[in-house]
Every structure is written in structure tokens, then in C-alpha cells.
Amino acid sequence: MPITQAEIDERQKFSSGGKTYWLILRGLWGIKVDRVIVRRTGFSLMTWQYAKAHGTDYSPVVMLTTTGAKSGQARTQVLPYTDWEGSYIVVGSNGGGPKDPGWVHNVRADGNAWVRVKGRRVPCLARIAAGEERQRVIDHVAISKPFVRNYDSETARNGRQLPLVILTPLVGQRSS
């Protein structure tokens, strides 16, 4: 079932802390423009505007490339990350909505992925944190991004558990 404009508006309002007037890049065109900017500069205007609206600091981003679970084609998303024990953590918030983002389904189907971070493309293994490890991961992410707990509550309210994805670079591949 396709997502409605009302659902998109609700997610943008939640993700921006109600300050949607900060959101210049929106929708699919905004994602495409942001991807070009990130590929060339490493900076995400999309991530910056949500951080600014929410009153938080900008978070660096990775370009995560997974293999489409249905299509088998490469799929790339720009995602803010947090460093954790030699890995990168990305959060499958999807604006707190009721469905996981497509890239999370791709990770579940095939954990082989690549990240482009700090100008380097790095092969990695992707997996979703579970159990006690998930609690340690969310506690760590919440240190620099306290609003992750709001996303955790919102996704639970919407009937799902917030996916915390650990991207572990293959041996010797991490970008410093």
C-alpha cells in the first residue's frame, strides 16, 4: 500500500520537531539532490536541515549501498551515523513510521553492503543489533543523539522495533 501525503507530512513533522519550515529539501527530488551533494562533498543538506530544525548538531553521514531484496539491484541511501567499536551505526527510523525503510529489508536479506564515508568506499557486513547488544547500541547512540529514544518510542507506538544497524567494515577497511 503506497504511503499517503498525510503520512509523509506526519513523519516530517515528527522528525523536524514540528519545525517543518526548516525543510527545504523534501520528497524524492530532495533525496536525489542530497545524494549528489553528498557524493561530491560528503555533506548532507537533508541531514543538516533536520538537525537544525530539531535543535541538534549535524551528524556526519555515510552513503549505504545494499542489494535490493526483490530487485537484486544496488540501492543507495544517505544516512547519519554514529561510530561504535570500530563500526558505524545507522538507525532505520523512517520518520518513526509504522514500516521499516526499504534498506533495512535489504540488510535482512543480504548483509553484504558498502559504505561511502569520508570519500572512501568501504565494504562491510551489515546486521541489526538485537537483545542486550541492541540496548548497548541505543545507549551509545543516545549520548550524541538523545532524540533516538523518541524514535524508539514512536516506532514502538507504531508497532515495530527501531532497527539499529551495525555496519562493520571488513578487516583493515575502516576509513579514519
N, C-alpha and C. Protein backbone atom coordinates (compact mmCIF):
# COMPACT_ATOMS: atom_id res chain seq x y z
N MET A 1 0.85 -1.18 0.00
CA MET A 1 0.00 0.00 0.00
C MET A 1 0.89 1.24 0.00
N PRO A 2 0.70 2.15 -0.97
CA PRO A 2 1.52 3.35 -1.05
C PRO A 2 1.31 4.27 0.16
N ILE A 3 2.33 5.01 0.48
CA ILE A 3 2.27 5.95 1.60
C ILE A 3 1.48 7.19 1.15
N THR A 4 0.68 7.71 2.04
CA THR A 4 -0.12 8.88 1.72
C THR A 4 0.66 10.16 2.03
N GLN A 5 0.21 11.26 1.45
CA GLN A 5 0.84 12.55 1.73
C GLN A 5 0.68 12.91 3.20
N ALA A 6 -0.43 12.54 3.80
CA ALA A 6 -0.66 12.82 5.22
C ALA A 6 0.38 12.09 6.08
N GLU A 7 0.71 10.85 5.71
CA GLU A 7 1.73 10.10 6.45
C GLU A 7 3.11 10.74 6.29
N ILE A 8 3.41 11.17 5.08
CA ILE A 8 4.69 11.86 4.84
C ILE A 8 4.77 13.12 5.68
N ASP A 9 3.68 13.91 5.67
CA ASP A 9 3.64 15.15 6.45
C ASP A 9 3.84 14.86 7.94
N GLU A 10 3.19 13.80 8.44
CA GLU A 10 3.31 13.44 9.86
C GLU A 10 4.75 13.06 10.21
N ARG A 11 5.41 12.30 9.34
CA ARG A 11 6.80 11.91 9.59
C ARG A 11 7.74 13.11 9.56
N GLN A 12 7.50 14.01 8.60
CA GLN A 12 8.35 15.21 8.53
C GLN A 12 8.16 16.07 9.77
N LYS A 13 6.94 16.20 10.23
CA LYS A 13 6.66 16.98 11.42
C LYS A 13 7.35 16.37 12.64
N PHE A 14 7.24 15.04 12.79
CA PHE A 14 7.89 14.36 13.91
C PHE A 14 9.41 14.52 13.84
N SER A 15 9.98 14.26 12.67
CA SER A 15 11.44 14.28 12.51
C SER A 15 12.04 15.67 12.65
N SER A 16 11.24 16.69 12.38
CA SER A 16 11.74 18.07 12.48
C SER A 16 11.38 18.72 13.80
N GLY A 17 10.81 17.95 14.72
CA GLY A 17 10.38 18.53 15.99
C GLY A 17 9.29 19.55 15.81
N GLY A 18 8.50 19.40 14.74
CA GLY A 18 7.40 20.32 14.46
C GLY A 18 7.81 21.56 13.69
N LYS A 19 9.10 21.72 13.40
CA LYS A 19 9.59 22.92 12.71
C LYS A 19 9.83 22.62 11.23
N THR A 20 8.76 22.30 10.53
CA THR A 20 8.88 21.93 9.12
C THR A 20 9.32 23.10 8.23
N TYR A 21 9.23 24.31 8.72
CA TYR A 21 9.69 25.45 7.93
C TYR A 21 11.19 25.40 7.65
N TRP A 22 11.96 24.57 8.39
CA TRP A 22 13.39 24.38 8.12
C TRP A 22 13.63 23.47 6.93
N LEU A 23 12.62 22.74 6.51
CA LEU A 23 12.80 21.70 5.50
C LEU A 23 12.70 22.27 4.09
N ILE A 24 13.85 22.41 3.47
CA ILE A 24 13.93 22.91 2.10
C ILE A 24 13.88 21.73 1.13
N LEU A 25 14.75 20.76 1.38
CA LEU A 25 14.77 19.55 0.56
C LEU A 25 13.70 18.60 1.08
N ARG A 26 12.78 18.20 0.21
CA ARG A 26 11.70 17.30 0.60
C ARG A 26 11.44 16.29 -0.51
N GLY A 27 10.88 15.18 -0.13
CA GLY A 27 10.43 14.20 -1.11
C GLY A 27 11.55 13.56 -1.89
N LEU A 28 11.16 12.86 -2.96
CA LEU A 28 12.14 12.15 -3.77
C LEU A 28 13.14 13.07 -4.45
N TRP A 29 12.67 14.24 -4.92
CA TRP A 29 13.60 15.16 -5.57
C TRP A 29 14.65 15.63 -4.56
N GLY A 30 14.25 15.86 -3.31
CA GLY A 30 15.19 16.29 -2.27
C GLY A 30 16.22 15.23 -1.98
N ILE A 31 15.77 13.98 -1.94
CA ILE A 31 16.69 12.86 -1.70
C ILE A 31 17.71 12.77 -2.83
N LYS A 32 17.24 12.93 -4.07
CA LYS A 32 18.15 12.85 -5.23
C LYS A 32 19.17 13.99 -5.21
N VAL A 33 18.71 15.19 -4.93
CA VAL A 33 19.62 16.35 -4.85
C VAL A 33 20.64 16.12 -3.73
N ASP A 34 20.17 15.68 -2.59
CA ASP A 34 21.05 15.44 -1.44
C ASP A 34 22.12 14.40 -1.78
N ARG A 35 21.72 13.34 -2.45
CA ARG A 35 22.66 12.27 -2.81
C ARG A 35 23.80 12.82 -3.68
N VAL A 36 23.48 13.70 -4.62
CA VAL A 36 24.50 14.31 -5.48
C VAL A 36 25.45 15.17 -4.63
N ILE A 37 24.89 15.96 -3.73
CA ILE A 37 25.71 16.82 -2.86
C ILE A 37 26.63 15.97 -1.99
N VAL A 38 26.08 14.91 -1.40
CA VAL A 38 26.89 14.05 -0.52
C VAL A 38 28.00 13.37 -1.31
N ARG A 39 27.68 12.87 -2.47
CA ARG A 39 28.70 12.18 -3.29
C ARG A 39 29.88 13.11 -3.61
N ARG A 40 29.58 14.39 -3.81
CA ARG A 40 30.64 15.33 -4.17
C ARG A 40 31.34 15.97 -2.98
N THR A 41 30.60 16.15 -1.88
CA THR A 41 31.18 16.91 -0.76
C THR A 41 31.28 16.12 0.55
N GLY A 42 30.47 15.07 0.69
CA GLY A 42 30.41 14.35 1.96
C GLY A 42 29.46 14.99 2.96
N PHE A 43 28.84 16.11 2.60
CA PHE A 43 27.93 16.84 3.49
C PHE A 43 26.50 16.63 3.03
N SER A 44 25.59 16.36 3.97
CA SER A 44 24.19 16.14 3.65
C SER A 44 23.35 17.34 4.08
N LEU A 45 22.85 18.07 3.10
CA LEU A 45 21.96 19.19 3.38
C LEU A 45 20.66 18.69 4.02
N MET A 46 20.20 17.52 3.60
CA MET A 46 18.98 16.93 4.16
C MET A 46 19.17 16.67 5.66
N THR A 47 20.29 16.04 6.03
CA THR A 47 20.57 15.76 7.43
C THR A 47 20.74 17.06 8.21
N TRP A 48 21.42 18.04 7.62
CA TRP A 48 21.64 19.32 8.28
C TRP A 48 20.32 20.01 8.60
N GLN A 49 19.39 20.03 7.63
CA GLN A 49 18.13 20.75 7.86
C GLN A 49 17.31 20.10 8.97
N TYR A 50 17.31 18.76 9.04
CA TYR A 50 16.57 18.11 10.12
C TYR A 50 17.25 18.35 11.47
N ALA A 51 18.57 18.34 11.49
CA ALA A 51 19.29 18.62 12.74
C ALA A 51 18.99 20.05 13.20
N LYS A 52 19.05 20.98 12.27
CA LYS A 52 18.78 22.39 12.60
C LYS A 52 17.36 22.55 13.13
N ALA A 53 16.40 21.94 12.45
CA ALA A 53 15.01 22.03 12.88
C ALA A 53 14.82 21.43 14.26
N HIS A 54 15.53 20.36 14.53
CA HIS A 54 15.39 19.66 15.81
C HIS A 54 16.23 20.29 16.91
N GLY A 55 17.10 21.25 16.53
CA GLY A 55 17.93 21.91 17.52
C GLY A 55 19.12 21.07 17.98
N THR A 56 19.60 20.18 17.12
CA THR A 56 20.73 19.32 17.45
C THR A 56 21.89 19.59 16.50
N ASP A 57 23.03 19.04 16.83
CA ASP A 57 24.21 19.19 15.98
C ASP A 57 24.09 18.32 14.73
N TYR A 58 24.73 18.77 13.67
CA TYR A 58 24.82 17.99 12.43
C TYR A 58 25.58 16.70 12.71
N SER A 59 25.13 15.64 12.11
CA SER A 59 25.78 14.34 12.24
C SER A 59 26.39 13.95 10.90
N PRO A 60 27.62 13.46 10.89
CA PRO A 60 28.20 13.02 9.61
C PRO A 60 27.38 11.88 9.02
N VAL A 61 27.52 11.69 7.71
CA VAL A 61 26.71 10.69 7.02
C VAL A 61 27.58 9.68 6.28
N VAL A 62 26.96 8.52 6.05
CA VAL A 62 27.50 7.51 5.14
C VAL A 62 26.52 7.38 3.99
N MET A 63 27.04 6.95 2.86
CA MET A 63 26.17 6.51 1.77
C MET A 63 26.20 4.99 1.85
N LEU A 64 25.11 4.40 2.27
CA LEU A 64 25.00 2.96 2.43
C LEU A 64 24.43 2.37 1.15
N THR A 65 25.17 1.42 0.58
CA THR A 65 24.69 0.71 -0.61
C THR A 65 24.42 -0.74 -0.24
N THR A 66 23.18 -1.16 -0.46
CA THR A 66 22.77 -2.53 -0.20
C THR A 66 22.29 -3.13 -1.52
N THR A 67 22.04 -4.42 -1.52
CA THR A 67 21.47 -5.09 -2.69
C THR A 67 19.97 -5.23 -2.45
N GLY A 68 19.18 -4.75 -3.39
CA GLY A 68 17.73 -4.81 -3.25
C GLY A 68 17.25 -6.23 -3.03
N ALA A 69 16.45 -6.45 -2.00
CA ALA A 69 15.95 -7.79 -1.66
C ALA A 69 15.10 -8.37 -2.78
N LYS A 70 14.34 -7.55 -3.46
CA LYS A 70 13.48 -8.03 -4.55
C LYS A 70 14.14 -7.86 -5.91
N SER A 71 14.76 -6.70 -6.13
CA SER A 71 15.30 -6.38 -7.45
C SER A 71 16.69 -6.95 -7.71
N GLY A 72 17.47 -7.14 -6.64
CA GLY A 72 18.86 -7.56 -6.82
C GLY A 72 19.75 -6.42 -7.28
N GLN A 73 19.21 -5.20 -7.38
CA GLN A 73 19.96 -4.04 -7.84
C GLN A 73 20.55 -3.28 -6.66
N ALA A 74 21.63 -2.56 -6.91
CA ALA A 74 22.26 -1.74 -5.87
C ALA A 74 21.31 -0.60 -5.49
N ARG A 75 21.16 -0.40 -4.18
CA ARG A 75 20.31 0.66 -3.65
C ARG A 75 21.12 1.48 -2.66
N THR A 76 21.14 2.80 -2.85
CA THR A 76 21.98 3.66 -2.02
C THR A 76 21.13 4.67 -1.26
N GLN A 77 21.43 4.80 0.05
CA GLN A 77 20.77 5.75 0.92
C GLN A 77 21.81 6.59 1.65
N VAL A 78 21.50 7.84 1.89
CA VAL A 78 22.34 8.71 2.72
C VAL A 78 21.79 8.64 4.13
N LEU A 79 22.65 8.27 5.09
CA LEU A 79 22.19 8.09 6.47
C LEU A 79 23.19 8.67 7.46
N PRO A 80 22.71 9.38 8.48
CA PRO A 80 23.61 9.82 9.55
C PRO A 80 24.11 8.58 10.30
N TYR A 81 25.33 8.67 10.79
CA TYR A 81 25.88 7.52 11.52
C TYR A 81 26.52 7.95 12.82
N THR A 82 26.74 6.94 13.66
CA THR A 82 27.47 7.10 14.91
C THR A 82 28.56 6.05 14.93
N ASP A 83 29.78 6.44 15.32
CA ASP A 83 30.87 5.47 15.48
C ASP A 83 30.61 4.60 16.69
N TRP A 84 30.94 3.31 16.56
CA TRP A 84 30.76 2.39 17.69
C TRP A 84 31.68 1.19 17.53
N GLU A 85 32.66 1.09 18.41
CA GLU A 85 33.55 -0.07 18.49
C GLU A 85 34.10 -0.49 17.13
N GLY A 86 34.59 0.47 16.35
CA GLY A 86 35.18 0.17 15.05
C GLY A 86 34.17 -0.02 13.94
N SER A 87 32.90 0.18 14.24
CA SER A 87 31.84 0.05 13.24
C SER A 87 31.06 1.36 13.14
N TYR A 88 30.15 1.40 12.21
CA TYR A 88 29.24 2.53 12.06
C TYR A 88 27.84 2.05 12.43
N ILE A 89 27.09 2.88 13.15
CA ILE A 89 25.71 2.57 13.49
C ILE A 89 24.80 3.51 12.69
N VAL A 90 23.82 2.94 12.00
CA VAL A 90 22.79 3.73 11.33
C VAL A 90 21.44 3.27 11.87
N VAL A 91 20.48 4.18 11.88
CA VAL A 91 19.19 3.93 12.51
C VAL A 91 18.11 3.89 11.43
N GLY A 92 17.30 2.83 11.46
CA GLY A 92 16.20 2.68 10.50
C GLY A 92 14.92 3.32 10.99
N SER A 93 14.95 4.63 11.17
CA SER A 93 13.81 5.31 11.80
C SER A 93 12.61 5.46 10.88
N ASN A 94 12.84 5.75 9.61
CA ASN A 94 11.75 6.01 8.66
C ASN A 94 10.76 7.01 9.25
N GLY A 95 11.31 8.03 9.89
CA GLY A 95 10.48 9.09 10.47
C GLY A 95 9.60 8.62 11.61
N GLY A 96 9.93 7.48 12.20
CA GLY A 96 9.12 6.94 13.29
C GLY A 96 7.87 6.22 12.82
N GLY A 97 7.73 6.08 11.49
CA GLY A 97 6.53 5.47 10.92
C GLY A 97 6.38 3.98 11.19
N PRO A 98 5.29 3.41 10.70
CA PRO A 98 4.96 2.01 11.01
C PRO A 98 5.75 0.96 10.22
N LYS A 99 6.48 1.37 9.20
CA LYS A 99 7.22 0.40 8.38
C LYS A 99 8.71 0.72 8.41
N ASP A 100 9.52 -0.35 8.40
CA ASP A 100 10.96 -0.17 8.28
C ASP A 100 11.28 0.40 6.90
N PRO A 101 12.35 1.18 6.79
CA PRO A 101 12.76 1.65 5.47
C PRO A 101 13.21 0.47 4.61
N GLY A 102 13.11 0.62 3.31
CA GLY A 102 13.48 -0.45 2.38
C GLY A 102 14.88 -0.97 2.58
N TRP A 103 15.81 -0.08 2.90
CA TRP A 103 17.20 -0.53 3.04
C TRP A 103 17.35 -1.51 4.21
N VAL A 104 16.49 -1.42 5.22
CA VAL A 104 16.55 -2.38 6.34
C VAL A 104 16.14 -3.77 5.85
N HIS A 105 15.12 -3.83 5.01
CA HIS A 105 14.72 -5.12 4.42
C HIS A 105 15.88 -5.70 3.60
N ASN A 106 16.57 -4.83 2.89
CA ASN A 106 17.72 -5.29 2.09
C ASN A 106 18.81 -5.87 2.98
N VAL A 107 19.08 -5.23 4.11
CA VAL A 107 20.10 -5.73 5.06
C VAL A 107 19.68 -7.08 5.62
N ARG A 108 18.40 -7.22 5.93
CA ARG A 108 17.92 -8.52 6.44
C ARG A 108 18.11 -9.63 5.41
N ALA A 109 17.93 -9.31 4.13
CA ALA A 109 18.05 -10.30 3.07
C ALA A 109 19.50 -10.61 2.72
N ASP A 110 20.36 -9.60 2.80
CA ASP A 110 21.77 -9.78 2.43
C ASP A 110 22.60 -8.75 3.19
N GLY A 111 23.42 -9.22 4.12
CA GLY A 111 24.22 -8.33 4.96
C GLY A 111 25.47 -7.78 4.31
N ASN A 112 25.74 -8.17 3.08
CA ASN A 112 26.89 -7.60 2.38
C ASN A 112 26.52 -6.21 1.88
N ALA A 113 27.31 -5.23 2.25
CA ALA A 113 26.99 -3.84 1.89
C ALA A 113 28.28 -3.06 1.70
N TRP A 114 28.13 -1.81 1.30
CA TRP A 114 29.25 -0.89 1.16
C TRP A 114 28.85 0.43 1.77
N VAL A 115 29.80 1.11 2.34
CA VAL A 115 29.56 2.47 2.79
C VAL A 115 30.57 3.38 2.11
N ARG A 116 30.10 4.54 1.75
CA ARG A 116 30.99 5.60 1.29
C ARG A 116 31.04 6.59 2.43
N VAL A 117 32.21 6.70 3.03
CA VAL A 117 32.37 7.58 4.18
C VAL A 117 33.72 8.28 4.06
N LYS A 118 33.70 9.58 4.30
CA LYS A 118 34.92 10.38 4.22
C LYS A 118 35.64 10.16 2.89
N GLY A 119 34.85 10.06 1.81
CA GLY A 119 35.42 9.96 0.47
C GLY A 119 35.87 8.57 0.06
N ARG A 120 35.76 7.59 0.94
CA ARG A 120 36.20 6.23 0.60
C ARG A 120 35.03 5.27 0.56
N ARG A 121 35.09 4.33 -0.38
CA ARG A 121 34.08 3.27 -0.45
C ARG A 121 34.64 2.05 0.28
N VAL A 122 33.91 1.60 1.29
CA VAL A 122 34.40 0.55 2.18
C VAL A 122 33.40 -0.62 2.20
N PRO A 123 33.86 -1.84 1.89
CA PRO A 123 32.95 -3.00 2.01
C PRO A 123 32.72 -3.30 3.49
N CYS A 124 31.51 -3.74 3.81
CA CYS A 124 31.21 -4.04 5.21
C CYS A 124 30.14 -5.11 5.30
N LEU A 125 29.98 -5.61 6.51
CA LEU A 125 28.90 -6.53 6.82
C LEU A 125 27.89 -5.76 7.66
N ALA A 126 26.63 -5.87 7.28
CA ALA A 126 25.56 -5.15 7.97
C ALA A 126 24.68 -6.15 8.71
N ARG A 127 24.33 -5.78 9.95
CA ARG A 127 23.42 -6.63 10.73
C ARG A 127 22.65 -5.75 11.69
N ILE A 128 21.51 -6.25 12.10
CA ILE A 128 20.64 -5.50 13.01
C ILE A 128 20.93 -5.94 14.43
N ALA A 129 21.22 -4.98 15.29
CA ALA A 129 21.51 -5.27 16.69
C ALA A 129 20.27 -5.84 17.36
N ALA A 130 20.48 -6.83 18.24
CA ALA A 130 19.36 -7.46 18.93
C ALA A 130 19.72 -7.69 20.39
N GLY A 131 18.68 -7.85 21.20
CA GLY A 131 18.86 -8.22 22.60
C GLY A 131 19.69 -7.22 23.39
N GLU A 132 20.60 -7.77 24.19
CA GLU A 132 21.45 -6.96 25.06
C GLU A 132 22.34 -6.01 24.26
N GLU A 133 22.84 -6.48 23.12
CA GLU A 133 23.67 -5.64 22.27
C GLU A 133 22.87 -4.43 21.78
N ARG A 134 21.61 -4.62 21.43
CA ARG A 134 20.77 -3.52 20.97
C ARG A 134 20.67 -2.45 22.04
N GLN A 135 20.51 -2.87 23.29
CA GLN A 135 20.42 -1.91 24.38
C GLN A 135 21.71 -1.11 24.52
N ARG A 136 22.86 -1.79 24.40
CA ARG A 136 24.15 -1.09 24.48
C ARG A 136 24.29 -0.10 23.32
N VAL A 137 23.85 -0.52 22.14
CA VAL A 137 23.95 0.34 20.96
C VAL A 137 23.07 1.58 21.12
N ILE A 138 21.83 1.41 21.52
CA ILE A 138 20.94 2.57 21.64
C ILE A 138 21.43 3.50 22.74
N ASP A 139 21.97 2.94 23.83
CA ASP A 139 22.53 3.78 24.89
C ASP A 139 23.69 4.61 24.35
N HIS A 140 24.53 4.00 23.51
CA HIS A 140 25.67 4.71 22.94
C HIS A 140 25.21 5.80 21.96
N VAL A 141 24.28 5.45 21.07
CA VAL A 141 23.79 6.43 20.10
C VAL A 141 23.13 7.60 20.82
N ALA A 142 22.40 7.33 21.89
CA ALA A 142 21.67 8.37 22.63
C ALA A 142 22.60 9.40 23.29
N ILE A 143 23.86 9.05 23.47
CA ILE A 143 24.81 10.01 24.04
C ILE A 143 24.93 11.23 23.13
N SER A 144 25.08 11.00 21.82
CA SER A 144 25.23 12.12 20.90
C SER A 144 23.91 12.49 20.21
N LYS A 145 22.95 11.58 20.22
CA LYS A 145 21.66 11.82 19.58
C LYS A 145 20.53 11.41 20.52
N PRO A 146 20.28 12.20 21.56
CA PRO A 146 19.28 11.80 22.55
C PRO A 146 17.89 11.56 21.96
N PHE A 147 17.57 12.22 20.84
CA PHE A 147 16.26 12.06 20.24
C PHE A 147 16.04 10.66 19.66
N VAL A 148 17.10 9.82 19.61
CA VAL A 148 16.92 8.45 19.14
C VAL A 148 15.93 7.71 20.04
N ARG A 149 15.87 8.09 21.28
CA ARG A 149 14.90 7.47 22.20
C ARG A 149 13.46 7.85 21.81
N ASN A 150 13.28 9.07 21.29
CA ASN A 150 11.95 9.46 20.80
C ASN A 150 11.55 8.59 19.61
N TYR A 151 12.51 8.35 18.71
CA TYR A 151 12.24 7.48 17.56
C TYR A 151 11.93 6.06 18.04
N ASP A 152 12.64 5.59 19.04
CA ASP A 152 12.41 4.25 19.59
C ASP A 152 10.97 4.15 20.12
N SER A 153 10.54 5.18 20.85
CA SER A 153 9.17 5.20 21.39
C SER A 153 8.14 5.31 20.27
N GLU A 154 8.41 6.17 19.30
CA GLU A 154 7.46 6.39 18.21
C GLU A 154 7.30 5.14 17.36
N THR A 155 8.40 4.46 17.05
CA THR A 155 8.28 3.23 16.25
C THR A 155 7.55 2.15 17.05
N ALA A 156 7.79 2.08 18.36
CA ALA A 156 7.07 1.11 19.20
C ALA A 156 5.57 1.43 19.19
N ARG A 157 5.25 2.71 19.27
CA ARG A 157 3.84 3.13 19.21
C ARG A 157 3.21 2.72 17.88
N ASN A 158 4.03 2.70 16.83
CA ASN A 158 3.56 2.32 15.50
C ASN A 158 3.70 0.83 15.21
N GLY A 159 4.05 0.05 16.24
CA GLY A 159 4.04 -1.40 16.10
C GLY A 159 5.30 -2.07 15.59
N ARG A 160 6.43 -1.40 15.69
CA ARG A 160 7.67 -2.04 15.26
C ARG A 160 8.81 -1.65 16.19
N GLN A 161 9.90 -2.41 16.12
CA GLN A 161 11.09 -2.08 16.90
C GLN A 161 12.05 -1.30 16.01
N LEU A 162 12.58 -0.21 16.53
CA LEU A 162 13.52 0.63 15.78
C LEU A 162 14.77 -0.17 15.43
N PRO A 163 15.04 -0.38 14.13
CA PRO A 163 16.24 -1.13 13.76
C PRO A 163 17.51 -0.29 13.94
N LEU A 164 18.46 -0.84 14.66
CA LEU A 164 19.78 -0.23 14.84
C LEU A 164 20.75 -1.13 14.08
N VAL A 165 21.27 -0.62 12.98
CA VAL A 165 22.07 -1.44 12.08
C VAL A 165 23.55 -1.16 12.30
N ILE A 166 24.28 -2.24 12.52
CA ILE A 166 25.73 -2.17 12.73
C ILE A 166 26.40 -2.49 11.40
N LEU A 167 27.21 -1.55 10.93
CA LEU A 167 27.96 -1.72 9.69
C LEU A 167 29.42 -1.93 10.07
N THR A 168 29.90 -3.15 9.93
CA THR A 168 31.26 -3.49 10.33
C THR A 168 32.13 -3.61 9.09
N PRO A 169 33.08 -2.68 8.93
CA PRO A 169 33.99 -2.77 7.77
C PRO A 169 34.76 -4.08 7.79
N LEU A 170 34.99 -4.61 6.60
CA LEU A 170 35.81 -5.81 6.51
C LEU A 170 37.21 -5.49 7.01
N VAL A 171 37.92 -6.46 7.50
CA VAL A 171 39.22 -6.28 8.15
C VAL A 171 40.11 -5.30 7.39
N GLY A 172 40.60 -4.32 8.14
CA GLY A 172 41.55 -3.35 7.59
C GLY A 172 40.94 -2.33 6.65
N GLN A 173 39.61 -2.25 6.56
CA GLN A 173 38.97 -1.37 5.58
C GLN A 173 38.40 -0.09 6.14
N ARG A 174 38.35 0.08 7.46
CA ARG A 174 37.68 1.24 8.04
C ARG A 174 38.39 2.54 7.63
N SER A 175 37.57 3.52 7.29
CA SER A 175 38.08 4.85 6.96
C SER A 175 38.28 5.63 8.25
N SER A 176 39.43 6.27 8.42
CA SER A 176 39.67 7.01 9.67
C SER A 176 39.14 8.41 9.59
